[in-house]
């Protein structure tokens, strides 16, 4: 899996391949959103940079991963809709709780107690992320099965193609006749 990720997903050619998506997000969407925030603010100078940077990063990852910038309808000013805000909230909670310390990590018999509430929070945010990711992934797999998409357009298509290639390789290895030398 490490080799597949390094050659198919995190390679310099893929990085250059996704450059257009990064430029599009920065030039069009980020600049438009900041300009609209500046223009529509009361005193003409207040733009929340934290929200702008969080949603720029989230939009960029969605654009490179799913070839979609937004999950729902979006806002008129180019800002995040409720779906994106919920998705970003879930992603940042996953980052916050993924490697957090919990006594049950070291003493497995304490897992049922969930002292700090980490397991409950992680289940909730995973459900939120899956609510947005699963329909897109299932749609892409179905498109790949039906065959209208030929060339990958984003990282999801690359991963689906790699998975399909790996399944074919495993099938060929399982069905390959064994040769006996006499």
N, C-alpha and C. Protein backbone atom coordinates (compact mmCIF):
# COMPACT_ATOMS: atom_id res chain seq x y z
N UNK A 1 0.82 -1.19 0.00
CA UNK A 1 0.00 0.00 0.00
C UNK A 1 0.87 1.26 0.00
N UNK A 2 2.00 1.18 0.72
CA UNK A 2 2.88 2.34 0.77
C UNK A 2 3.43 2.66 -0.62
N UNK A 3 3.79 1.62 -1.36
CA UNK A 3 4.32 1.82 -2.70
C UNK A 3 3.25 2.38 -3.64
N UNK A 4 2.03 1.88 -3.50
CA UNK A 4 0.93 2.37 -4.34
C UNK A 4 0.68 3.85 -4.07
N UNK A 5 0.65 4.24 -2.79
CA UNK A 5 0.44 5.65 -2.47
C UNK A 5 1.57 6.52 -2.97
N UNK A 6 2.80 6.05 -2.83
CA UNK A 6 3.93 6.88 -3.25
C UNK A 6 4.05 6.98 -4.76
N UNK A 7 3.63 5.97 -5.50
CA UNK A 7 3.76 6.04 -6.96
C UNK A 7 2.52 6.55 -7.65
N UNK A 8 1.35 6.30 -7.09
CA UNK A 8 0.11 6.66 -7.78
C UNK A 8 -0.57 7.93 -7.25
N UNK A 9 -0.40 8.23 -5.97
CA UNK A 9 -1.14 9.35 -5.38
C UNK A 9 -0.22 10.51 -4.99
N UNK A 10 0.87 10.22 -4.32
CA UNK A 10 1.73 11.27 -3.79
C UNK A 10 2.99 11.51 -4.64
N UNK A 11 2.96 11.15 -5.88
CA UNK A 11 4.12 11.29 -6.75
C UNK A 11 4.21 12.70 -7.34
N UNK A 12 5.41 13.12 -7.73
CA UNK A 12 5.55 14.44 -8.38
C UNK A 12 4.71 14.60 -9.65
N UNK A 13 4.59 13.57 -10.51
CA UNK A 13 3.70 13.76 -11.68
C UNK A 13 2.25 14.03 -11.29
N UNK A 14 1.74 13.38 -10.25
CA UNK A 14 0.37 13.65 -9.80
C UNK A 14 0.27 15.04 -9.20
N UNK A 15 1.31 15.46 -8.51
CA UNK A 15 1.33 16.81 -7.95
C UNK A 15 1.24 17.85 -9.06
N UNK A 16 1.98 17.65 -10.13
CA UNK A 16 1.91 18.57 -11.27
C UNK A 16 0.57 18.45 -11.99
N UNK A 17 0.02 17.24 -12.03
CA UNK A 17 -1.26 17.00 -12.69
C UNK A 17 -2.38 17.77 -11.99
N UNK A 18 -2.30 17.90 -10.68
CA UNK A 18 -3.34 18.59 -9.90
C UNK A 18 -3.08 20.08 -9.74
N UNK A 19 -2.03 20.59 -10.36
CA UNK A 19 -1.70 22.00 -10.25
C UNK A 19 -2.84 22.89 -10.75
N UNK A 20 -3.48 22.52 -11.85
CA UNK A 20 -4.57 23.33 -12.40
C UNK A 20 -5.72 23.46 -11.40
N UNK A 21 -6.02 22.40 -10.68
CA UNK A 21 -7.09 22.45 -9.69
C UNK A 21 -6.72 23.38 -8.53
N UNK A 22 -5.46 23.34 -8.12
CA UNK A 22 -5.03 24.23 -7.04
C UNK A 22 -5.06 25.69 -7.49
N UNK A 23 -4.61 25.94 -8.68
CA UNK A 23 -4.61 27.32 -9.20
C UNK A 23 -6.04 27.83 -9.35
N UNK A 24 -6.93 26.98 -9.86
CA UNK A 24 -8.32 27.39 -10.03
C UNK A 24 -8.95 27.75 -8.69
N UNK A 25 -8.68 26.94 -7.68
CA UNK A 25 -9.26 27.21 -6.36
C UNK A 25 -8.71 28.51 -5.78
N UNK A 26 -7.43 28.74 -5.93
CA UNK A 26 -6.82 29.95 -5.37
C UNK A 26 -7.25 31.19 -6.14
N UNK A 27 -7.17 31.13 -7.46
CA UNK A 27 -7.45 32.31 -8.26
C UNK A 27 -8.92 32.70 -8.25
N UNK A 28 -9.75 31.74 -8.51
CA UNK A 28 -11.16 32.08 -8.69
C UNK A 28 -11.92 32.10 -7.38
N UNK A 29 -11.95 30.98 -6.70
CA UNK A 29 -12.84 30.82 -5.56
C UNK A 29 -12.37 31.58 -4.32
N UNK A 30 -11.08 31.49 -4.00
CA UNK A 30 -10.58 32.15 -2.80
C UNK A 30 -10.64 33.67 -2.96
N UNK A 31 -10.16 34.18 -4.07
CA UNK A 31 -10.15 35.63 -4.29
C UNK A 31 -11.57 36.18 -4.33
N UNK A 32 -12.47 35.45 -5.00
CA UNK A 32 -13.86 35.91 -5.09
C UNK A 32 -14.51 35.96 -3.72
N UNK A 33 -14.29 34.93 -2.90
CA UNK A 33 -14.89 34.89 -1.57
C UNK A 33 -14.35 36.02 -0.69
N UNK A 34 -13.04 36.23 -0.69
CA UNK A 34 -12.46 37.30 0.13
C UNK A 34 -12.96 38.66 -0.34
N UNK A 35 -13.02 38.86 -1.64
CA UNK A 35 -13.52 40.14 -2.17
C UNK A 35 -14.97 40.37 -1.76
N UNK A 36 -15.81 39.34 -1.88
CA UNK A 36 -17.22 39.48 -1.48
C UNK A 36 -17.37 39.72 0.01
N UNK A 37 -16.54 39.09 0.83
CA UNK A 37 -16.58 39.32 2.27
C UNK A 37 -16.19 40.77 2.58
N UNK A 38 -15.16 41.24 1.92
CA UNK A 38 -14.71 42.61 2.14
C UNK A 38 -15.78 43.61 1.70
N UNK A 39 -16.36 43.35 0.55
CA UNK A 39 -17.36 44.27 -0.01
C UNK A 39 -18.64 44.29 0.82
N UNK A 40 -19.05 43.14 1.36
CA UNK A 40 -20.32 43.04 2.07
C UNK A 40 -20.22 43.30 3.57
N UNK A 41 -19.01 43.48 4.10
CA UNK A 41 -18.90 43.72 5.54
C UNK A 41 -19.38 45.13 5.86
N UNK A 42 -19.75 45.32 7.11
CA UNK A 42 -20.32 46.61 7.54
C UNK A 42 -19.34 47.76 7.40
N UNK A 43 -18.13 47.59 7.92
CA UNK A 43 -17.18 48.69 7.88
C UNK A 43 -16.19 48.55 6.73
N UNK A 44 -16.33 47.55 5.91
CA UNK A 44 -15.50 47.42 4.73
C UNK A 44 -14.10 46.88 4.96
N UNK A 45 -13.84 46.30 6.14
CA UNK A 45 -12.47 45.85 6.36
C UNK A 45 -12.37 44.53 7.11
N UNK A 46 -13.47 43.95 7.53
CA UNK A 46 -13.42 42.76 8.36
C UNK A 46 -13.59 41.49 7.52
N UNK A 47 -12.54 40.65 7.51
CA UNK A 47 -12.59 39.35 6.88
C UNK A 47 -11.99 38.37 7.87
N UNK A 48 -12.72 37.34 8.21
CA UNK A 48 -12.24 36.34 9.15
C UNK A 48 -11.28 35.41 8.43
N UNK A 49 -9.98 35.61 8.64
CA UNK A 49 -8.96 34.84 7.93
C UNK A 49 -8.94 33.38 8.34
N UNK A 50 -9.32 33.10 9.57
CA UNK A 50 -9.33 31.71 10.03
C UNK A 50 -10.34 30.89 9.23
N UNK A 51 -11.53 31.42 9.08
CA UNK A 51 -12.56 30.72 8.30
C UNK A 51 -12.16 30.63 6.84
N UNK A 52 -11.59 31.70 6.31
CA UNK A 52 -11.17 31.70 4.91
C UNK A 52 -10.12 30.63 4.67
N UNK A 53 -9.11 30.56 5.54
CA UNK A 53 -8.04 29.59 5.33
C UNK A 53 -8.53 28.16 5.54
N UNK A 54 -9.39 27.93 6.53
CA UNK A 54 -9.92 26.59 6.76
C UNK A 54 -10.72 26.11 5.55
N UNK A 55 -11.56 26.95 5.04
CA UNK A 55 -12.40 26.53 3.93
C UNK A 55 -11.65 26.50 2.61
N UNK A 56 -10.62 27.31 2.49
CA UNK A 56 -9.78 27.20 1.29
C UNK A 56 -9.10 25.84 1.27
N UNK A 57 -8.53 25.44 2.40
CA UNK A 57 -7.87 24.13 2.47
C UNK A 57 -8.87 22.99 2.25
N UNK A 58 -10.03 23.10 2.87
CA UNK A 58 -11.06 22.07 2.67
C UNK A 58 -11.55 22.00 1.25
N UNK A 59 -11.78 23.16 0.64
CA UNK A 59 -12.23 23.19 -0.75
C UNK A 59 -11.17 22.64 -1.68
N UNK A 60 -9.93 22.94 -1.39
CA UNK A 60 -8.83 22.45 -2.22
C UNK A 60 -8.72 20.93 -2.13
N UNK A 61 -8.84 20.40 -0.94
CA UNK A 61 -8.78 18.94 -0.77
C UNK A 61 -9.97 18.27 -1.45
N UNK A 62 -11.16 18.86 -1.31
CA UNK A 62 -12.33 18.29 -2.00
C UNK A 62 -12.17 18.36 -3.51
N UNK A 63 -11.61 19.45 -3.99
CA UNK A 63 -11.43 19.62 -5.44
C UNK A 63 -10.44 18.59 -5.98
N UNK A 64 -9.34 18.38 -5.27
CA UNK A 64 -8.34 17.42 -5.74
C UNK A 64 -8.81 15.98 -5.52
N UNK A 65 -9.53 15.74 -4.44
CA UNK A 65 -9.95 14.38 -4.12
C UNK A 65 -11.19 13.93 -4.84
N UNK A 66 -12.19 14.81 -4.92
CA UNK A 66 -13.49 14.42 -5.49
C UNK A 66 -13.87 15.20 -6.74
N UNK A 67 -13.04 16.14 -7.15
CA UNK A 67 -13.32 17.02 -8.28
C UNK A 67 -14.61 17.82 -8.05
N UNK A 68 -14.88 18.09 -6.79
CA UNK A 68 -16.04 18.88 -6.36
C UNK A 68 -15.57 19.86 -5.33
N UNK A 69 -16.03 21.08 -5.44
CA UNK A 69 -15.64 22.07 -4.44
C UNK A 69 -16.64 22.12 -3.30
N UNK A 70 -17.90 21.91 -3.62
CA UNK A 70 -18.94 22.01 -2.61
C UNK A 70 -19.80 20.76 -2.64
N UNK A 71 -20.43 20.45 -1.52
CA UNK A 71 -21.31 19.28 -1.45
C UNK A 71 -22.75 19.64 -1.76
N UNK A 72 -23.16 20.79 -1.36
CA UNK A 72 -24.55 21.18 -1.56
C UNK A 72 -24.67 22.21 -2.66
N UNK A 73 -25.52 23.19 -2.40
CA UNK A 73 -25.76 24.25 -3.37
C UNK A 73 -24.70 25.34 -3.31
N UNK A 74 -24.17 25.60 -2.15
CA UNK A 74 -23.19 26.66 -2.00
C UNK A 74 -23.85 27.99 -1.70
N UNK A 75 -23.02 28.96 -1.37
CA UNK A 75 -23.51 30.30 -1.06
C UNK A 75 -23.32 31.20 -2.28
N UNK A 76 -24.10 32.26 -2.33
CA UNK A 76 -24.02 33.18 -3.46
C UNK A 76 -22.69 33.94 -3.49
N UNK A 77 -22.13 34.22 -2.32
CA UNK A 77 -20.88 34.98 -2.27
C UNK A 77 -19.65 34.09 -2.43
N UNK A 78 -19.84 32.80 -2.69
CA UNK A 78 -18.71 31.88 -2.86
C UNK A 78 -18.23 31.30 -1.56
N UNK A 79 -18.90 31.59 -0.47
CA UNK A 79 -18.50 31.11 0.84
C UNK A 79 -19.01 29.71 1.12
N UNK A 80 -18.67 29.20 2.27
CA UNK A 80 -19.06 27.85 2.63
C UNK A 80 -20.55 27.75 2.97
N UNK A 81 -21.17 26.69 2.50
CA UNK A 81 -22.56 26.44 2.86
C UNK A 81 -22.60 25.65 4.16
N UNK A 82 -23.78 25.31 4.61
CA UNK A 82 -23.91 24.55 5.86
C UNK A 82 -23.26 23.19 5.75
N UNK A 83 -23.33 22.57 4.55
CA UNK A 83 -22.71 21.26 4.35
C UNK A 83 -21.20 21.34 4.51
N UNK A 84 -20.59 22.36 3.92
CA UNK A 84 -19.14 22.51 4.03
C UNK A 84 -18.72 22.83 5.46
N UNK A 85 -19.50 23.65 6.15
CA UNK A 85 -19.17 23.97 7.53
C UNK A 85 -19.25 22.72 8.41
N UNK A 86 -20.28 21.90 8.19
CA UNK A 86 -20.40 20.67 8.96
C UNK A 86 -19.27 19.70 8.62
N UNK A 87 -18.92 19.61 7.34
CA UNK A 87 -17.84 18.73 6.92
C UNK A 87 -16.50 19.18 7.50
N UNK A 88 -16.23 20.48 7.46
CA UNK A 88 -14.97 20.99 8.01
C UNK A 88 -14.93 20.82 9.52
N UNK A 89 -16.06 21.02 10.18
CA UNK A 89 -16.13 20.79 11.63
C UNK A 89 -15.75 19.34 11.94
N UNK A 90 -16.31 18.41 11.17
CA UNK A 90 -16.02 17.00 11.40
C UNK A 90 -14.55 16.68 11.12
N UNK A 91 -13.99 17.22 10.04
CA UNK A 91 -12.59 16.95 9.72
C UNK A 91 -11.65 17.49 10.78
N UNK A 92 -11.90 18.69 11.27
CA UNK A 92 -11.03 19.25 12.29
C UNK A 92 -11.19 18.51 13.63
N UNK A 93 -12.37 18.01 13.92
CA UNK A 93 -12.54 17.19 15.12
C UNK A 93 -11.80 15.87 14.98
N UNK A 94 -11.83 15.29 13.79
CA UNK A 94 -11.06 14.05 13.57
C UNK A 94 -9.59 14.32 13.81
N UNK A 95 -9.08 15.42 13.28
CA UNK A 95 -7.67 15.75 13.50
C UNK A 95 -7.37 15.99 14.98
N UNK A 96 -8.30 16.58 15.70
CA UNK A 96 -8.07 16.88 17.11
C UNK A 96 -8.08 15.62 17.97
N UNK A 97 -8.96 14.68 17.66
CA UNK A 97 -9.12 13.51 18.52
C UNK A 97 -8.41 12.25 18.03
N UNK A 98 -7.85 12.27 16.85
CA UNK A 98 -7.25 11.06 16.30
C UNK A 98 -6.09 10.57 17.14
N UNK A 99 -5.20 11.46 17.52
CA UNK A 99 -4.03 11.06 18.30
C UNK A 99 -4.07 11.59 19.73
N UNK A 100 -5.23 11.89 20.22
CA UNK A 100 -5.32 12.40 21.59
C UNK A 100 -5.11 11.27 22.59
N UNK A 101 -4.63 11.64 23.75
CA UNK A 101 -4.33 10.65 24.79
C UNK A 101 -5.61 10.17 25.44
N UNK A 102 -5.68 8.88 25.62
CA UNK A 102 -6.80 8.27 26.33
C UNK A 102 -6.27 7.04 27.06
N UNK A 103 -6.65 6.88 28.31
CA UNK A 103 -6.14 5.76 29.10
C UNK A 103 -6.52 4.42 28.50
N UNK A 104 -7.66 4.35 27.82
CA UNK A 104 -8.09 3.08 27.25
C UNK A 104 -7.22 2.64 26.08
N UNK A 105 -6.40 3.53 25.54
CA UNK A 105 -5.46 3.13 24.49
C UNK A 105 -4.37 2.24 25.06
N UNK A 106 -4.05 2.42 26.32
CA UNK A 106 -2.99 1.66 26.96
C UNK A 106 -3.52 0.53 27.84
N UNK A 107 -4.76 0.66 28.26
CA UNK A 107 -5.41 -0.37 29.06
C UNK A 107 -6.71 -0.77 28.35
N UNK A 108 -6.63 -1.76 27.48
CA UNK A 108 -7.79 -2.09 26.64
C UNK A 108 -9.05 -2.46 27.42
N UNK A 109 -8.92 -2.94 28.62
CA UNK A 109 -10.10 -3.32 29.38
C UNK A 109 -10.91 -2.11 29.83
N UNK A 110 -10.40 -0.88 29.63
CA UNK A 110 -11.13 0.35 29.96
C UNK A 110 -11.93 0.89 28.78
N UNK A 111 -11.84 0.25 27.61
CA UNK A 111 -12.49 0.79 26.41
C UNK A 111 -13.99 0.97 26.54
N UNK A 112 -14.64 0.11 27.23
CA UNK A 112 -16.09 0.20 27.35
C UNK A 112 -16.58 1.42 28.13
N UNK A 113 -15.70 2.00 28.93
CA UNK A 113 -16.11 3.12 29.77
C UNK A 113 -16.10 4.46 29.04
N UNK A 114 -15.21 4.66 28.08
CA UNK A 114 -15.12 5.89 27.28
C UNK A 114 -15.11 7.12 28.20
N UNK A 115 -14.08 7.19 29.06
CA UNK A 115 -13.98 8.23 30.07
C UNK A 115 -14.03 9.65 29.52
N UNK A 116 -13.29 9.90 28.46
CA UNK A 116 -13.18 11.26 27.94
C UNK A 116 -14.19 11.55 26.84
N UNK A 117 -14.95 10.57 26.42
CA UNK A 117 -15.94 10.77 25.37
C UNK A 117 -15.36 10.79 23.97
N UNK A 118 -14.10 10.37 23.82
CA UNK A 118 -13.45 10.41 22.52
C UNK A 118 -14.11 9.47 21.51
N UNK A 119 -14.43 8.28 21.96
CA UNK A 119 -15.03 7.30 21.03
C UNK A 119 -16.38 7.80 20.52
N UNK A 120 -17.17 8.37 21.39
CA UNK A 120 -18.47 8.90 20.98
C UNK A 120 -18.31 10.03 19.97
N UNK A 121 -17.38 10.93 20.25
CA UNK A 121 -17.15 12.05 19.33
C UNK A 121 -16.65 11.55 17.99
N UNK A 122 -15.71 10.60 18.01
CA UNK A 122 -15.16 10.08 16.75
C UNK A 122 -16.23 9.35 15.94
N UNK A 123 -17.12 8.64 16.60
CA UNK A 123 -18.21 7.99 15.87
C UNK A 123 -19.12 9.01 15.21
N UNK A 124 -19.43 10.08 15.94
CA UNK A 124 -20.31 11.12 15.39
C UNK A 124 -19.69 11.81 14.19
N UNK A 125 -18.42 12.20 14.30
CA UNK A 125 -17.79 12.91 13.19
C UNK A 125 -17.51 11.98 12.01
N UNK A 126 -17.26 10.71 12.27
CA UNK A 126 -17.10 9.76 11.17
C UNK A 126 -18.41 9.58 10.41
N UNK A 127 -19.52 9.59 11.12
CA UNK A 127 -20.82 9.51 10.45
C UNK A 127 -21.05 10.74 9.58
N UNK A 128 -20.65 11.91 10.06
CA UNK A 128 -20.80 13.13 9.26
C UNK A 128 -19.96 13.05 8.00
N UNK A 129 -18.70 12.66 8.15
CA UNK A 129 -17.81 12.56 6.98
C UNK A 129 -18.33 11.51 6.00
N UNK A 130 -18.74 10.37 6.51
CA UNK A 130 -19.26 9.32 5.64
C UNK A 130 -20.54 9.74 4.94
N UNK A 131 -21.34 10.58 5.59
CA UNK A 131 -22.57 11.08 4.98
C UNK A 131 -22.28 11.84 3.70
N UNK A 132 -21.18 12.54 3.65
CA UNK A 132 -20.82 13.31 2.46
C UNK A 132 -19.94 12.54 1.49
N UNK A 133 -19.06 11.69 2.00
CA UNK A 133 -18.13 10.99 1.12
C UNK A 133 -18.73 9.75 0.45
N UNK A 134 -19.50 8.97 1.18
CA UNK A 134 -19.99 7.70 0.65
C UNK A 134 -20.81 7.82 -0.63
N UNK A 135 -21.76 8.76 -0.74
CA UNK A 135 -22.50 8.85 -2.00
C UNK A 135 -21.61 9.16 -3.20
N UNK A 136 -20.61 10.01 -3.00
CA UNK A 136 -19.71 10.35 -4.10
C UNK A 136 -18.88 9.14 -4.49
N UNK A 137 -18.36 8.42 -3.51
CA UNK A 137 -17.54 7.25 -3.79
C UNK A 137 -18.35 6.17 -4.48
N UNK A 138 -19.56 5.92 -3.99
CA UNK A 138 -20.40 4.90 -4.63
C UNK A 138 -20.77 5.28 -6.05
N UNK A 139 -21.05 6.58 -6.28
CA UNK A 139 -21.37 7.04 -7.63
C UNK A 139 -20.18 6.85 -8.57
N UNK A 140 -18.98 7.15 -8.11
CA UNK A 140 -17.79 7.00 -8.94
C UNK A 140 -17.49 5.54 -9.24
N UNK A 141 -17.68 4.68 -8.25
CA UNK A 141 -17.46 3.24 -8.49
C UNK A 141 -18.45 2.74 -9.51
N UNK A 142 -19.70 3.17 -9.40
CA UNK A 142 -20.71 2.77 -10.38
C UNK A 142 -20.37 3.30 -11.76
N UNK A 143 -19.90 4.53 -11.85
CA UNK A 143 -19.49 5.09 -13.14
C UNK A 143 -18.33 4.30 -13.72
N UNK A 144 -17.41 3.88 -12.87
CA UNK A 144 -16.26 3.10 -13.33
C UNK A 144 -16.70 1.73 -13.83
N UNK A 145 -17.71 1.16 -13.17
CA UNK A 145 -18.23 -0.14 -13.60
C UNK A 145 -18.97 0.01 -14.92
N UNK A 146 -19.80 1.05 -15.03
CA UNK A 146 -20.56 1.27 -16.26
C UNK A 146 -19.66 1.68 -17.42
N UNK A 147 -18.56 2.35 -17.12
CA UNK A 147 -17.57 2.66 -18.12
C UNK A 147 -17.61 3.99 -18.83
N UNK A 148 -18.44 4.99 -18.45
CA UNK A 148 -18.39 6.24 -19.21
C UNK A 148 -17.11 7.06 -18.96
N UNK A 149 -16.50 6.90 -17.80
CA UNK A 149 -15.29 7.65 -17.47
C UNK A 149 -14.07 6.82 -17.82
N UNK A 150 -13.22 7.34 -18.65
CA UNK A 150 -12.05 6.59 -19.07
C UNK A 150 -10.77 7.04 -18.36
N UNK A 151 -10.54 8.34 -18.31
CA UNK A 151 -9.31 8.85 -17.73
C UNK A 151 -9.59 9.47 -16.36
N UNK A 152 -8.75 9.19 -15.36
CA UNK A 152 -8.97 9.76 -14.03
C UNK A 152 -8.91 11.29 -14.05
N UNK A 153 -9.84 11.90 -13.31
CA UNK A 153 -9.88 13.35 -13.22
C UNK A 153 -9.49 13.86 -11.84
N UNK A 154 -9.45 12.95 -10.87
CA UNK A 154 -9.10 13.36 -9.52
C UNK A 154 -8.52 12.16 -8.78
N UNK A 155 -8.15 12.37 -7.53
CA UNK A 155 -7.50 11.31 -6.76
C UNK A 155 -8.43 10.14 -6.46
N UNK A 156 -9.71 10.38 -6.32
CA UNK A 156 -10.66 9.29 -6.10
C UNK A 156 -10.66 8.34 -7.29
N UNK A 157 -10.69 8.88 -8.49
CA UNK A 157 -10.64 8.02 -9.67
C UNK A 157 -9.33 7.26 -9.77
N UNK A 158 -8.24 7.89 -9.36
CA UNK A 158 -6.94 7.22 -9.35
C UNK A 158 -6.98 6.03 -8.39
N UNK A 159 -7.52 6.25 -7.19
CA UNK A 159 -7.60 5.17 -6.20
C UNK A 159 -8.53 4.05 -6.66
N UNK A 160 -9.64 4.39 -7.30
CA UNK A 160 -10.55 3.36 -7.81
C UNK A 160 -9.86 2.56 -8.91
N UNK A 161 -9.13 3.24 -9.78
CA UNK A 161 -8.41 2.55 -10.84
C UNK A 161 -7.34 1.63 -10.26
N UNK A 162 -6.60 2.11 -9.27
CA UNK A 162 -5.57 1.29 -8.64
C UNK A 162 -6.20 0.08 -7.96
N UNK A 163 -7.33 0.28 -7.29
CA UNK A 163 -8.01 -0.83 -6.63
C UNK A 163 -8.45 -1.86 -7.66
N UNK A 164 -8.96 -1.39 -8.79
CA UNK A 164 -9.40 -2.31 -9.84
C UNK A 164 -8.21 -3.08 -10.41
N UNK A 165 -7.08 -2.39 -10.62
CA UNK A 165 -5.89 -3.06 -11.12
C UNK A 165 -5.39 -4.10 -10.12
N UNK A 166 -5.39 -3.76 -8.83
CA UNK A 166 -4.94 -4.70 -7.82
C UNK A 166 -5.86 -5.92 -7.75
N UNK A 167 -7.17 -5.71 -7.93
CA UNK A 167 -8.10 -6.84 -7.92
C UNK A 167 -7.82 -7.77 -9.10
N UNK A 168 -7.51 -7.22 -10.26
CA UNK A 168 -7.19 -8.03 -11.43
C UNK A 168 -5.90 -8.80 -11.21
N UNK A 169 -4.90 -8.16 -10.63
CA UNK A 169 -3.63 -8.84 -10.36
C UNK A 169 -3.82 -9.98 -9.39
N UNK A 170 -4.59 -9.76 -8.32
CA UNK A 170 -4.84 -10.82 -7.34
C UNK A 170 -5.61 -11.96 -8.00
N UNK A 171 -6.59 -11.65 -8.83
CA UNK A 171 -7.36 -12.68 -9.52
C UNK A 171 -6.46 -13.50 -10.43
N UNK A 172 -5.58 -12.82 -11.17
CA UNK A 172 -4.68 -13.53 -12.08
C UNK A 172 -3.72 -14.43 -11.30
N UNK A 173 -3.26 -13.96 -10.15
CA UNK A 173 -2.35 -14.77 -9.35
C UNK A 173 -3.06 -15.99 -8.76
N UNK A 174 -4.32 -15.86 -8.43
CA UNK A 174 -5.07 -16.97 -7.86
C UNK A 174 -5.42 -18.02 -8.91
N UNK A 175 -5.66 -17.58 -10.12
CA UNK A 175 -6.10 -18.51 -11.16
C UNK A 175 -4.95 -19.00 -12.03
N UNK A 176 -3.73 -18.52 -11.81
CA UNK A 176 -2.60 -18.94 -12.62
C UNK A 176 -2.32 -20.42 -12.37
N UNK A 177 -2.22 -21.20 -13.44
CA UNK A 177 -1.96 -22.63 -13.23
C UNK A 177 -0.55 -22.85 -12.68
N UNK A 178 -0.44 -23.83 -11.84
CA UNK A 178 0.84 -24.17 -11.24
C UNK A 178 1.58 -25.10 -12.18
N UNK A 179 2.81 -24.78 -12.49
CA UNK A 179 3.62 -25.59 -13.37
C UNK A 179 4.48 -26.53 -12.55
N UNK A 180 4.53 -27.76 -12.97
CA UNK A 180 5.36 -28.73 -12.29
C UNK A 180 6.52 -29.11 -13.20
N UNK A 181 7.68 -29.03 -12.67
CA UNK A 181 8.86 -29.44 -13.45
C UNK A 181 9.13 -30.90 -13.17
N UNK A 182 9.40 -31.65 -14.23
CA UNK A 182 9.68 -33.09 -14.05
C UNK A 182 11.14 -33.37 -14.22
